[in-house]
Amino acid sequence: MNAFALRAVAVLVAAGSFVGATAYVVTHPKDPSAPLQPPVADTTSQPVRSATPPPTAQPSGRQVRATVRPAPTITLQPGVRATELPGVTYTHTS
């Protein structure tokens, strides 16, 4: 009788988890216009890289060009060897 009760409790917990997760997903639909959503990547074309970012439009209508800052340099302590890996690429823009 103990094994049957344990299995019944396990089935009830699994079913409750499934129903709870389903209810959460149904009541929280994805809103594509919500803030902080990254843009969907276009997988059909190759990315285009440019040295300067495109100008961004401000609410006042004037164009602002982002400034390009040189990448920081890394100095190693004596006894630390550099590897033959490719350099670090900084892609963050704010």
N, C-alpha and C. Protein backbone atom coordinates (compact mmCIF):
# COMPACT_ATOMS: atom_id res chain seq x y z
N MET A 1 0.82 -1.20 0.00
CA MET A 1 0.00 0.00 0.00
C MET A 1 0.87 1.27 0.00
N ASN A 2 2.04 1.22 0.61
CA ASN A 2 2.93 2.38 0.62
C ASN A 2 3.40 2.74 -0.79
N ALA A 3 3.74 1.76 -1.60
CA ALA A 3 4.21 2.01 -2.96
C ALA A 3 3.11 2.66 -3.80
N PHE A 4 1.87 2.19 -3.61
CA PHE A 4 0.76 2.77 -4.37
C PHE A 4 0.54 4.23 -3.98
N ALA A 5 0.60 4.54 -2.70
CA ALA A 5 0.40 5.91 -2.24
C ALA A 5 1.52 6.82 -2.76
N LEU A 6 2.75 6.33 -2.74
CA LEU A 6 3.87 7.11 -3.24
C LEU A 6 3.72 7.40 -4.73
N ARG A 7 3.31 6.41 -5.49
CA ARG A 7 3.10 6.62 -6.93
C ARG A 7 1.95 7.59 -7.18
N ALA A 8 0.88 7.48 -6.39
CA ALA A 8 -0.26 8.39 -6.56
C ALA A 8 0.15 9.83 -6.26
N VAL A 9 0.95 10.04 -5.22
CA VAL A 9 1.41 11.37 -4.89
C VAL A 9 2.32 11.91 -6.00
N ALA A 10 3.19 11.05 -6.54
CA ALA A 10 4.08 11.47 -7.62
C ALA A 10 3.29 11.88 -8.86
N VAL A 11 2.26 11.13 -9.18
CA VAL A 11 1.41 11.46 -10.34
C VAL A 11 0.67 12.77 -10.09
N LEU A 12 0.17 12.98 -8.88
CA LEU A 12 -0.52 14.24 -8.57
C LEU A 12 0.42 15.44 -8.63
N VAL A 13 1.65 15.29 -8.14
CA VAL A 13 2.61 16.38 -8.20
C VAL A 13 2.98 16.70 -9.65
N ALA A 14 3.21 15.66 -10.46
CA ALA A 14 3.54 15.88 -11.88
C ALA A 14 2.38 16.54 -12.61
N ALA A 15 1.16 16.07 -12.37
CA ALA A 15 0.00 16.66 -13.04
C ALA A 15 -0.21 18.10 -12.58
N GLY A 16 -0.02 18.37 -11.29
CA GLY A 16 -0.16 19.73 -10.78
C GLY A 16 0.87 20.67 -11.37
N SER A 17 2.10 20.18 -11.52
CA SER A 17 3.15 20.99 -12.14
C SER A 17 2.81 21.30 -13.59
N PHE A 18 2.32 20.30 -14.30
CA PHE A 18 1.96 20.50 -15.71
C PHE A 18 0.82 21.51 -15.84
N VAL A 19 -0.20 21.37 -15.01
CA VAL A 19 -1.34 22.29 -15.08
C VAL A 19 -0.91 23.70 -14.67
N GLY A 20 -0.09 23.80 -13.64
CA GLY A 20 0.37 25.12 -13.20
C GLY A 20 1.23 25.81 -14.24
N ALA A 21 2.15 25.08 -14.86
CA ALA A 21 3.00 25.67 -15.90
C ALA A 21 2.16 26.08 -17.11
N THR A 22 1.21 25.27 -17.48
CA THR A 22 0.34 25.60 -18.61
C THR A 22 -0.49 26.84 -18.31
N ALA A 23 -1.02 26.94 -17.10
CA ALA A 23 -1.80 28.12 -16.73
C ALA A 23 -0.94 29.37 -16.74
N TYR A 24 0.30 29.27 -16.30
CA TYR A 24 1.20 30.43 -16.31
C TYR A 24 1.48 30.88 -17.74
N VAL A 25 1.76 29.95 -18.62
CA VAL A 25 2.07 30.29 -20.01
C VAL A 25 0.86 30.91 -20.69
N VAL A 26 -0.32 30.39 -20.43
CA VAL A 26 -1.53 30.91 -21.07
C VAL A 26 -1.84 32.32 -20.57
N THR A 27 -1.60 32.60 -19.29
CA THR A 27 -1.95 33.91 -18.74
C THR A 27 -0.85 34.95 -18.94
N HIS A 28 0.32 34.58 -19.46
CA HIS A 28 1.42 35.52 -19.68
C HIS A 28 1.88 35.45 -21.14
N PRO A 29 1.09 35.97 -22.07
CA PRO A 29 1.50 35.91 -23.48
C PRO A 29 2.67 36.87 -23.75
N LYS A 30 3.46 36.56 -24.75
CA LYS A 30 4.59 37.41 -25.12
C LYS A 30 4.07 38.64 -25.84
N ASP A 31 4.54 39.80 -25.41
CA ASP A 31 4.16 41.06 -26.02
C ASP A 31 5.35 41.58 -26.83
N PRO A 32 5.29 41.53 -28.15
CA PRO A 32 6.44 41.97 -28.95
C PRO A 32 6.75 43.46 -28.82
N SER A 33 5.81 44.26 -28.36
CA SER A 33 6.08 45.68 -28.21
C SER A 33 6.56 46.04 -26.80
N ALA A 34 6.79 45.03 -25.97
CA ALA A 34 7.25 45.27 -24.60
C ALA A 34 8.68 45.82 -24.63
N PRO A 35 9.06 46.62 -23.64
CA PRO A 35 10.43 47.15 -23.60
C PRO A 35 11.43 46.05 -23.29
N LEU A 36 12.68 46.31 -23.65
CA LEU A 36 13.81 45.42 -23.40
C LEU A 36 13.72 44.10 -24.15
N GLN A 37 12.98 44.07 -25.23
CA GLN A 37 12.95 42.89 -26.07
C GLN A 37 13.98 43.06 -27.17
N PRO A 38 14.93 42.14 -27.32
CA PRO A 38 15.92 42.30 -28.39
C PRO A 38 15.26 42.09 -29.75
N PRO A 39 15.78 42.75 -30.77
CA PRO A 39 15.20 42.56 -32.10
C PRO A 39 15.45 41.14 -32.60
N VAL A 40 14.56 40.67 -33.42
CA VAL A 40 14.69 39.33 -33.98
C VAL A 40 15.76 39.36 -35.06
N ALA A 41 16.68 38.42 -35.00
CA ALA A 41 17.78 38.37 -35.96
C ALA A 41 17.28 37.89 -37.31
N ASP A 42 17.76 38.52 -38.36
CA ASP A 42 17.44 38.09 -39.71
C ASP A 42 18.48 37.07 -40.12
N THR A 43 18.08 35.80 -40.21
CA THR A 43 19.04 34.73 -40.51
C THR A 43 19.24 34.53 -42.00
N THR A 44 18.52 35.29 -42.84
CA THR A 44 18.64 35.08 -44.27
C THR A 44 19.78 35.87 -44.89
N SER A 45 20.24 36.91 -44.24
CA SER A 45 21.30 37.73 -44.81
C SER A 45 22.53 37.71 -43.92
N GLN A 46 23.67 38.02 -44.51
CA GLN A 46 24.92 38.09 -43.77
C GLN A 46 24.99 39.42 -43.02
N PRO A 47 25.57 39.44 -41.83
CA PRO A 47 25.67 40.71 -41.11
C PRO A 47 26.64 41.66 -41.81
N VAL A 48 26.31 42.93 -41.77
CA VAL A 48 27.14 43.96 -42.37
C VAL A 48 27.84 44.69 -41.24
N ARG A 49 29.16 44.76 -41.32
CA ARG A 49 29.92 45.44 -40.27
C ARG A 49 30.44 46.76 -40.80
N SER A 50 30.33 47.78 -40.01
CA SER A 50 30.85 49.08 -40.40
C SER A 50 31.67 49.64 -39.25
N ALA A 51 32.58 50.54 -39.59
CA ALA A 51 33.45 51.13 -38.57
C ALA A 51 32.70 52.12 -37.70
N THR A 52 31.69 52.78 -38.26
CA THR A 52 30.93 53.75 -37.49
C THR A 52 29.47 53.31 -37.44
N PRO A 53 28.85 53.43 -36.27
CA PRO A 53 27.44 53.04 -36.18
C PRO A 53 26.56 54.04 -36.91
N PRO A 54 25.36 53.62 -37.33
CA PRO A 54 24.46 54.54 -38.03
C PRO A 54 23.96 55.61 -37.08
N PRO A 55 23.58 56.78 -37.60
CA PRO A 55 23.05 57.83 -36.73
C PRO A 55 21.72 57.42 -36.13
N THR A 56 21.45 57.89 -34.93
CA THR A 56 20.19 57.56 -34.28
C THR A 56 19.34 58.82 -34.23
N ALA A 57 18.04 58.64 -34.44
CA ALA A 57 17.12 59.78 -34.43
C ALA A 57 16.72 60.09 -32.99
N GLN A 58 16.77 61.33 -32.63
CA GLN A 58 16.34 61.78 -31.31
C GLN A 58 14.89 62.22 -31.41
N PRO A 59 14.18 62.29 -30.26
CA PRO A 59 12.78 62.73 -30.30
C PRO A 59 12.61 64.12 -30.92
N SER A 60 13.65 64.97 -30.83
CA SER A 60 13.53 66.31 -31.39
C SER A 60 13.68 66.31 -32.91
N GLY A 61 14.09 65.19 -33.49
CA GLY A 61 14.23 65.08 -34.93
C GLY A 61 15.65 65.27 -35.42
N ARG A 62 16.58 65.71 -34.57
CA ARG A 62 17.96 65.91 -35.02
C ARG A 62 18.72 64.60 -34.97
N GLN A 63 19.71 64.49 -35.79
CA GLN A 63 20.53 63.28 -35.88
C GLN A 63 21.73 63.39 -34.93
N VAL A 64 22.05 62.31 -34.25
CA VAL A 64 23.20 62.27 -33.36
C VAL A 64 24.08 61.12 -33.80
N ARG A 65 25.34 61.39 -34.05
CA ARG A 65 26.27 60.37 -34.47
C ARG A 65 27.01 59.85 -33.24
N ALA A 66 27.04 58.53 -33.08
CA ALA A 66 27.74 57.94 -31.95
C ALA A 66 29.25 58.08 -32.16
N THR A 67 29.96 58.27 -31.08
CA THR A 67 31.41 58.40 -31.17
C THR A 67 32.06 57.04 -31.06
N VAL A 68 33.11 56.84 -31.82
CA VAL A 68 33.83 55.58 -31.78
C VAL A 68 35.02 55.76 -30.85
N ARG A 69 35.05 54.95 -29.81
CA ARG A 69 36.14 55.01 -28.85
C ARG A 69 37.12 53.88 -29.13
N PRO A 70 38.41 54.12 -28.97
CA PRO A 70 39.37 53.04 -29.18
C PRO A 70 39.19 51.97 -28.10
N ALA A 71 39.47 50.74 -28.49
CA ALA A 71 39.35 49.64 -27.55
C ALA A 71 40.43 49.75 -26.47
N PRO A 72 40.11 49.40 -25.23
CA PRO A 72 41.12 49.48 -24.19
C PRO A 72 42.23 48.46 -24.42
N THR A 73 43.41 48.79 -23.98
CA THR A 73 44.54 47.87 -24.13
C THR A 73 44.73 47.10 -22.83
N ILE A 74 45.24 45.92 -22.97
CA ILE A 74 45.47 45.05 -21.83
C ILE A 74 46.97 44.97 -21.59
N THR A 75 47.38 45.22 -20.37
CA THR A 75 48.79 45.09 -20.02
C THR A 75 48.94 43.87 -19.13
N LEU A 76 49.89 43.04 -19.45
CA LEU A 76 50.12 41.81 -18.70
C LEU A 76 51.25 42.00 -17.70
N GLN A 77 51.13 41.33 -16.60
CA GLN A 77 52.17 41.34 -15.58
C GLN A 77 53.36 40.52 -16.07
N PRO A 78 54.56 40.79 -15.57
CA PRO A 78 55.72 39.98 -15.97
C PRO A 78 55.48 38.51 -15.63
N GLY A 79 55.84 37.65 -16.54
CA GLY A 79 55.66 36.21 -16.33
C GLY A 79 54.35 35.68 -16.90
N VAL A 80 53.45 36.55 -17.32
CA VAL A 80 52.19 36.10 -17.93
C VAL A 80 52.37 36.14 -19.43
N ARG A 81 52.08 35.02 -20.08
CA ARG A 81 52.25 34.95 -21.52
C ARG A 81 50.92 35.18 -22.23
N ALA A 82 50.97 35.88 -23.33
CA ALA A 82 49.77 36.10 -24.15
C ALA A 82 49.53 34.86 -25.00
N THR A 83 48.28 34.57 -25.30
CA THR A 83 47.94 33.43 -26.13
C THR A 83 47.82 33.85 -27.58
N GLU A 84 47.64 32.89 -28.45
CA GLU A 84 47.50 33.16 -29.88
C GLU A 84 46.02 33.24 -30.28
N LEU A 85 45.17 33.55 -29.35
CA LEU A 85 43.75 33.67 -29.65
C LEU A 85 43.48 34.99 -30.35
N PRO A 86 42.37 35.08 -31.11
CA PRO A 86 42.05 36.35 -31.76
C PRO A 86 41.70 37.40 -30.71
N GLY A 87 41.83 38.66 -31.08
CA GLY A 87 41.57 39.76 -30.16
C GLY A 87 40.11 39.83 -29.75
N VAL A 88 39.86 40.53 -28.68
CA VAL A 88 38.51 40.70 -28.16
C VAL A 88 37.80 41.75 -28.99
N THR A 89 36.57 41.47 -29.39
CA THR A 89 35.77 42.41 -30.17
C THR A 89 34.75 43.04 -29.24
N TYR A 90 34.70 44.35 -29.20
CA TYR A 90 33.72 45.05 -28.37
C TYR A 90 32.55 45.42 -29.25
N THR A 91 31.38 44.88 -28.94
CA THR A 91 30.20 45.14 -29.76
C THR A 91 29.12 45.89 -29.00
N HIS A 92 29.36 46.24 -27.75
CA HIS A 92 28.34 46.91 -26.95
C HIS A 92 28.21 48.38 -27.36
N THR A 93 26.99 48.79 -27.58
CA THR A 93 26.71 50.21 -27.81
C THR A 93 25.57 50.60 -26.88
N SER A 94 25.58 51.83 -26.45
CA SER A 94 24.51 52.25 -25.55
C SER A 94 23.84 53.49 -26.09
